Every structure is written in structure tokens, then in C-alpha cells.
Amino acid sequence: MRSLRDEIKQSKPFASPEQEAMLSLERTAAVLVHQMAQEFEAYGVTPTQYNVLRILRGAGPAGLCRYEIRDRLVAQVPDVTRLLDRLEDAGLVERERDETDRRQVKTRITREGLALLARMDAPVLDMHQRMLGHLGEKKLKALIELLAEVREPATEEIGDRR
């Protein structure tokens, strides 16, 4: 197994274990997201667009407002409105102004969006298996718990700012 230092061709030791862990998290996420993006190209969506479609499928016919989608995204993006514009232009989502509160715009997944997700469901599960299945169930559970523990202070801080 190659070390992160070897992977990024760094000759000096890291300043601290925390620095190495942080850079390792960033590198791992970048590698996995890049692989996902390459595989999603065949479906004409990005990983973030796929995430929005999954969120809206889960929301059902009621749909969600832009800020509700923003809060549920795995990776935060600077402009959710433009992201939704692209999905709407592709016919994968539709937006409608709320009758009672005209300031609210609900976004719903379309039949085309649902059909795309249905085609992607099995390949995405296969991709996850290829990316992480080699760890086995015990290591995966440990990784999930460790990552949640790492995120906790940062997500509390983000929640305080909203």
C-alpha cells in the first residue's frame, strides 16, 4: 500500500498526524469523486446533480425548496439555483411557485429524472462496491463511525452559522 507522501510525491514528513490525516481525507475524497464523475458522464449528470435527484426522489411529490435541498446536499455548492437551473433545462426537475407563499419555489423530480435514477441505481451500487467493498463490513462500519466523529465538530459549527 502506497503512503500519501509517495502518492503526492512529498519528500518531507508531514507537520503533524492531523495534517497527514486531513490531506489524506482530501486526497481520498478527490480520487473517489473523480471516479464517480467519470462514471456519471455516461448518464449526463455530475455527482452533485445525482445527489440532488436522489434528494428530490426521497422528498416525493411534495418536493423541496432550494434551501432545503442545499441543507441536504452531501457536498456544499455555492449556487444551488444554477444547479437546479441546469437540472430543469435537462428536464430532470421542475419548479413551481408556492400558491400560499409566493416567495417559496418548490422543486420536484420529473418522470424523466426518476427514470434516470432507476437506470443508475444498480450501477451506482456496483460502483460503491468496487470503490469500498474491499474493506469488508467491519472496517466499513469503523470508517463510517470515525468519519462521523471527525465531521461532528465542523457540522455543529456550520449549524451555528445558519
C-alpha atoms as a PDB file:
ATOM      1  CA  MET A   1       0.000   0.000   0.000  1.00  0.00           C
ATOM      2  CA  ARG A   2       1.394   3.385  -1.056  1.00  0.00           C
ATOM      3  CA  SER A   3       1.614   6.122   1.535  1.00  0.00           C
ATOM      4  CA  LEU A   4       0.094   9.536   0.914  1.00  0.00           C
ATOM      5  CA  ARG A   5       3.596  11.036   0.847  1.00  0.00           C
ATOM      6  CA  ASP A   6       4.521   8.680  -2.003  1.00  0.00           C
ATOM      7  CA  GLU A   7       1.252   9.357  -3.831  1.00  0.00           C
ATOM      8  CA  ILE A   8       1.682  13.119  -3.819  1.00  0.00           C
ATOM      9  CA  LYS A   9       5.464  12.890  -4.167  1.00  0.00           C
ATOM     10  CA  GLN A  10       6.176  14.742  -0.935  1.00  0.00           C
ATOM     11  CA  SER A  11       9.713  14.303   0.325  1.00  0.00           C
ATOM     12  CA  LYS A  12       9.371  15.967   3.735  1.00  0.00           C
ATOM     13  CA  PRO A  13       7.386  14.463   6.607  1.00  0.00           C
ATOM     14  CA  PHE A  14       4.012  15.981   7.412  1.00  0.00           C
ATOM     15  CA  ALA A  15       3.965  18.669  10.100  1.00  0.00           C
ATOM     16  CA  SER A  16       1.614  16.575  12.263  1.00  0.00           C
ATOM     17  CA  PRO A  17      -0.543  13.444  12.183  1.00  0.00           C
ATOM     18  CA  GLU A  18      -3.565  15.754  11.964  1.00  0.00           C
ATOM     19  CA  GLN A  19      -2.147  17.355   8.816  1.00  0.00           C
ATOM     20  CA  GLU A  20      -1.489  13.955   7.251  1.00  0.00           C
ATOM     21  CA  ALA A  21      -4.997  12.766   8.153  1.00  0.00           C
ATOM     22  CA  MET A  22      -6.586  15.928   6.732  1.00  0.00           C
ATOM     23  CA  LEU A  23      -4.652  15.713   3.480  1.00  0.00           C
ATOM     24  CA  SER A  24      -5.410  12.002   3.267  1.00  0.00           C
ATOM     25  CA  LEU A  25      -9.144  12.705   3.630  1.00  0.00           C
ATOM     26  CA  GLU A  26      -8.963  15.385   0.935  1.00  0.00           C
ATOM     27  CA  ARG A  27      -6.968  13.153  -1.422  1.00  0.00           C
ATOM     28  CA  THR A  28      -9.290  10.176  -0.890  1.00  0.00           C
ATOM     29  CA  ALA A  29     -12.406  12.260  -1.470  1.00  0.00           C
ATOM     30  CA  ALA A  30     -10.896  13.809  -4.603  1.00  0.00           C
ATOM     31  CA  VAL A  31      -9.944  10.413  -6.052  1.00  0.00           C
ATOM     32  CA  LEU A  32     -13.354   8.860  -5.347  1.00  0.00           C
ATOM     33  CA  VAL A  33     -15.358  11.866  -6.579  1.00  0.00           C
ATOM     34  CA  HIS A  34     -13.269  11.984  -9.766  1.00  0.00           C
ATOM     35  CA  GLN A  35     -14.001   8.307 -10.383  1.00  0.00           C
ATOM     36  CA  MET A  36     -17.713   8.893  -9.741  1.00  0.00           C
ATOM     37  CA  ALA A  37     -17.736  11.879 -12.108  1.00  0.00           C
ATOM     38  CA  GLN A  38     -16.192   9.781 -14.867  1.00  0.00           C
ATOM     39  CA  GLU A  39     -18.797   7.054 -14.435  1.00  0.00           C
ATOM     40  CA  PHE A  40     -21.698   9.543 -14.203  1.00  0.00           C
ATOM     41  CA  GLU A  41     -20.670  11.159 -17.512  1.00  0.00           C
ATOM     42  CA  ALA A  42     -22.386   8.278 -19.318  1.00  0.00           C
ATOM     43  CA  TYR A  43     -25.667   9.420 -17.731  1.00  0.00           C
ATOM     44  CA  GLY A  44     -25.128  13.129 -18.411  1.00  0.00           C
ATOM     45  CA  VAL A  45     -25.041  14.207 -14.753  1.00  0.00           C
ATOM     46  CA  THR A  46     -22.432  15.217 -12.217  1.00  0.00           C
ATOM     47  CA  PRO A  47     -22.164  13.658  -8.746  1.00  0.00           C
ATOM     48  CA  THR A  48     -23.785  16.785  -7.262  1.00  0.00           C
ATOM     49  CA  GLN A  49     -26.665  16.688  -9.751  1.00  0.00           C
ATOM     50  CA  TYR A  50     -27.133  12.994  -8.957  1.00  0.00           C
ATOM     51  CA  ASN A  51     -27.238  13.889  -5.259  1.00  0.00           C
ATOM     52  CA  VAL A  52     -29.969  16.498  -5.894  1.00  0.00           C
ATOM     53  CA  LEU A  53     -32.021  13.988  -7.871  1.00  0.00           C
ATOM     54  CA  ARG A  54     -31.740  11.430  -5.048  1.00  0.00           C
ATOM     55  CA  ILE A  55     -32.789  14.069  -2.511  1.00  0.00           C
ATOM     56  CA  LEU A  56     -35.832  15.002  -4.601  1.00  0.00           C
ATOM     57  CA  ARG A  57     -36.793  11.364  -5.185  1.00  0.00           C
ATOM     58  CA  GLY A  58     -36.762  10.930  -1.420  1.00  0.00           C
ATOM     59  CA  ALA A  59     -38.844  14.061  -0.900  1.00  0.00           C
ATOM     60  CA  GLY A  60     -41.647  12.637  -3.026  1.00  0.00           C
ATOM     61  CA  PRO A  61     -44.371  14.631  -4.788  1.00  0.00           C
ATOM     62  CA  ALA A  62     -44.258  17.471  -2.244  1.00  0.00           C
ATOM     63  CA  GLY A  63     -40.787  18.472  -3.455  1.00  0.00           C
ATOM     64  CA  LEU A  64     -38.431  20.787  -1.611  1.00  0.00           C
ATOM     65  CA  CYS A  65     -37.438  24.440  -1.599  1.00  0.00           C
ATOM     66  CA  ARG A  66     -33.952  25.457  -2.701  1.00  0.00           C
ATOM     67  CA  TYR A  67     -32.666  25.958   0.839  1.00  0.00           C
ATOM     68  CA  GLU A  68     -33.988  22.534   1.913  1.00  0.00           C
ATOM     69  CA  ILE A  69     -32.086  20.943  -0.967  1.00  0.00           C
ATOM     70  CA  ARG A  70     -28.971  22.953  -0.052  1.00  0.00           C
ATOM     71  CA  ASP A  71     -29.108  21.726   3.533  1.00  0.00           C
ATOM     72  CA  ARG A  72     -29.346  18.067   2.446  1.00  0.00           C
ATOM     73  CA  LEU A  73     -26.526  18.066  -0.100  1.00  0.00           C
ATOM     74  CA  VAL A  74     -23.550  15.818   0.684  1.00  0.00           C
ATOM     75  CA  ALA A  75     -21.116  18.403  -0.708  1.00  0.00           C
ATOM     76  CA  GLN A  76     -21.990  22.060  -0.333  1.00  0.00           C
ATOM     77  CA  VAL A  77     -22.114  24.115  -3.532  1.00  0.00           C
ATOM     78  CA  PRO A  78     -22.034  27.900  -3.863  1.00  0.00           C
ATOM     79  CA  ASP A  79     -25.023  28.280  -6.188  1.00  0.00           C
ATOM     80  CA  VAL A  80     -27.885  25.820  -5.776  1.00  0.00           C
ATOM     81  CA  THR A  81     -30.112  27.941  -8.014  1.00  0.00           C
ATOM     82  CA  ARG A  82     -27.830  27.454 -11.040  1.00  0.00           C
ATOM     83  CA  LEU A  83     -27.548  23.745 -10.242  1.00  0.00           C
ATOM     84  CA  LEU A  84     -31.351  23.487 -10.279  1.00  0.00           C
ATOM     85  CA  ASP A  85     -31.485  25.575 -13.484  1.00  0.00           C
ATOM     86  CA  ARG A  86     -29.285  23.002 -15.253  1.00  0.00           C
ATOM     87  CA  LEU A  87     -31.392  20.095 -13.999  1.00  0.00           C
ATOM     88  CA  GLU A  88     -34.567  21.878 -15.084  1.00  0.00           C
ATOM     89  CA  ASP A  89     -33.095  22.617 -18.531  1.00  0.00           C
ATOM     90  CA  ALA A  90     -32.328  18.884 -18.838  1.00  0.00           C
ATOM     91  CA  GLY A  91     -35.958  18.053 -17.964  1.00  0.00           C
ATOM     92  CA  LEU A  92     -34.983  16.194 -14.789  1.00  0.00           C
ATOM     93  CA  VAL A  93     -36.677  18.558 -12.313  1.00  0.00           C
ATOM     94  CA  GLU A  94     -39.498  21.078 -12.395  1.00  0.00           C
ATOM     95  CA  ARG A  95     -40.094  24.121 -10.213  1.00  0.00           C
ATOM     96  CA  GLU A  96     -43.329  25.720  -9.131  1.00  0.00           C
ATOM     97  CA  ARG A  97     -44.028  28.798  -7.052  1.00  0.00           C
ATOM     98  CA  ASP A  98     -45.997  28.036  -3.879  1.00  0.00           C
ATOM     99  CA  GLU A  99     -49.610  29.238  -4.058  1.00  0.00           C
ATOM    100  CA  THR A 100     -49.781  30.385  -0.422  1.00  0.00           C
ATOM    101  CA  ASP A 101     -46.274  31.860  -0.135  1.00  0.00           C
ATOM    102  CA  ARG A 102     -45.129  33.243  -3.491  1.00  0.00           C
ATOM    103  CA  ARG A 103     -41.559  33.591  -2.146  1.00  0.00           C
ATOM    104  CA  GLN A 104     -41.267  29.801  -1.940  1.00  0.00           C
ATOM    105  CA  VAL A 105     -40.448  27.771  -5.045  1.00  0.00           C
ATOM    106  CA  LYS A 106     -40.843  24.004  -4.776  1.00  0.00           C
ATOM    107  CA  THR A 107     -38.609  21.756  -6.853  1.00  0.00           C
ATOM    108  CA  ARG A 108     -39.805  18.273  -7.795  1.00  0.00           C
ATOM    109  CA  ILE A 109     -38.187  15.460  -9.707  1.00  0.00           C
ATOM    110  CA  THR A 110     -39.812  14.710 -13.067  1.00  0.00           C
ATOM    111  CA  ARG A 111     -40.657  11.315 -14.574  1.00  0.00           C
ATOM    112  CA  GLU A 112     -37.501  11.686 -16.667  1.00  0.00           C
ATOM    113  CA  GLY A 113     -35.469  12.288 -13.500  1.00  0.00           C
ATOM    114  CA  LEU A 114     -36.994   9.246 -11.814  1.00  0.00           C
ATOM    115  CA  ALA A 115     -36.298   7.122 -14.892  1.00  0.00           C
ATOM    116  CA  LEU A 116     -32.667   8.268 -14.948  1.00  0.00           C
ATOM    117  CA  LEU A 117     -32.220   7.370 -11.282  1.00  0.00           C
ATOM    118  CA  ALA A 118     -33.841   3.977 -11.869  1.00  0.00           C
ATOM    119  CA  ARG A 119     -31.279   3.290 -14.631  1.00  0.00           C
ATOM    120  CA  MET A 120     -28.458   4.447 -12.346  1.00  0.00           C
ATOM    121  CA  ASP A 121     -29.444   2.645  -9.125  1.00  0.00           C
ATOM    122  CA  ALA A 122     -27.765  -0.713  -9.794  1.00  0.00           C
ATOM    123  CA  PRO A 123     -24.637   0.710 -11.494  1.00  0.00           C
ATOM    124  CA  VAL A 124     -24.124   3.167  -8.609  1.00  0.00           C
ATOM    125  CA  LEU A 125     -24.379   0.358  -6.046  1.00  0.00           C
ATOM    126  CA  ASP A 126     -21.865  -1.635  -8.108  1.00  0.00           C
ATOM    127  CA  MET A 127     -19.557   1.383  -8.207  1.00  0.00           C
ATOM    128  CA  HIS A 128     -19.738   1.767  -4.418  1.00  0.00           C
ATOM    129  CA  GLN A 129     -18.941  -1.926  -4.048  1.00  0.00           C
ATOM    130  CA  ARG A 130     -15.904  -1.575  -6.339  1.00  0.00           C
ATOM    131  CA  MET A 131     -14.688   1.523  -4.502  1.00  0.00           C
ATOM    132  CA  LEU A 132     -15.161   0.372  -0.916  1.00  0.00           C
ATOM    133  CA  GLY A 133     -16.190  -3.292  -0.821  1.00  0.00           C
ATOM    134  CA  HIS A 134     -12.604  -4.474  -0.386  1.00  0.00           C
ATOM    135  CA  LEU A 135     -12.669  -3.062   3.155  1.00  0.00           C
ATOM    136  CA  GLY A 136     -15.255  -5.547   4.378  1.00  0.00           C
ATOM    137  CA  GLU A 137     -18.205  -4.875   6.653  1.00  0.00           C
ATOM    138  CA  LYS A 138     -16.283  -4.484   9.920  1.00  0.00           C
ATOM    139  CA  LYS A 139     -13.826  -1.917   8.535  1.00  0.00           C
ATOM    140  CA  LEU A 140     -16.614  -0.076   6.714  1.00  0.00           C
ATOM    141  CA  LYS A 141     -18.600   0.302   9.942  1.00  0.00           C
ATOM    142  CA  ALA A 142     -15.471   1.545  11.731  1.00  0.00           C
ATOM    143  CA  LEU A 143     -14.746   4.001   8.902  1.00  0.00           C
ATOM    144  CA  ILE A 144     -18.318   5.307   8.945  1.00  0.00           C
ATOM    145  CA  GLU A 145     -18.139   5.872  12.711  1.00  0.00           C
ATOM    146  CA  LEU A 146     -14.730   7.554  12.526  1.00  0.00           C
ATOM    147  CA  LEU A 147     -15.818   9.871   9.734  1.00  0.00           C
ATOM    148  CA  ALA A 148     -18.969  10.852  11.648  1.00  0.00           C
ATOM    149  CA  GLU A 149     -16.799  11.607  14.669  1.00  0.00           C
ATOM    150  CA  VAL A 150     -14.466  13.730  12.540  1.00  0.00           C
ATOM    151  CA  ARG A 151     -17.385  15.675  10.996  1.00  0.00           C
ATOM    152  CA  GLU A 152     -19.237  16.339  14.238  1.00  0.00           C
ATOM    153  CA  PRO A 153     -17.412  19.479  15.459  1.00  0.00           C
ATOM    154  CA  ALA A 154     -17.416  21.003  11.961  1.00  0.00           C
ATOM    155  CA  THR A 155     -21.129  20.320  11.331  1.00  0.00           C
ATOM    156  CA  GLU A 156     -22.036  21.823  14.700  1.00  0.00           C
ATOM    157  CA  GLU A 157     -20.084  24.952  13.770  1.00  0.00           C
ATOM    158  CA  ILE A 158     -21.800  25.152  10.364  1.00  0.00           C
ATOM    159  CA  GLY A 159     -25.200  24.736  12.041  1.00  0.00           C
ATOM    160  CA  ASP A 160     -24.370  27.606  14.392  1.00  0.00           C
ATOM    161  CA  ARG A 161     -23.684  29.916  11.413  1.00  0.00           C
ATOM    162  CA  ARG A 162     -27.014  29.212   9.646  1.00  0.00           C
END
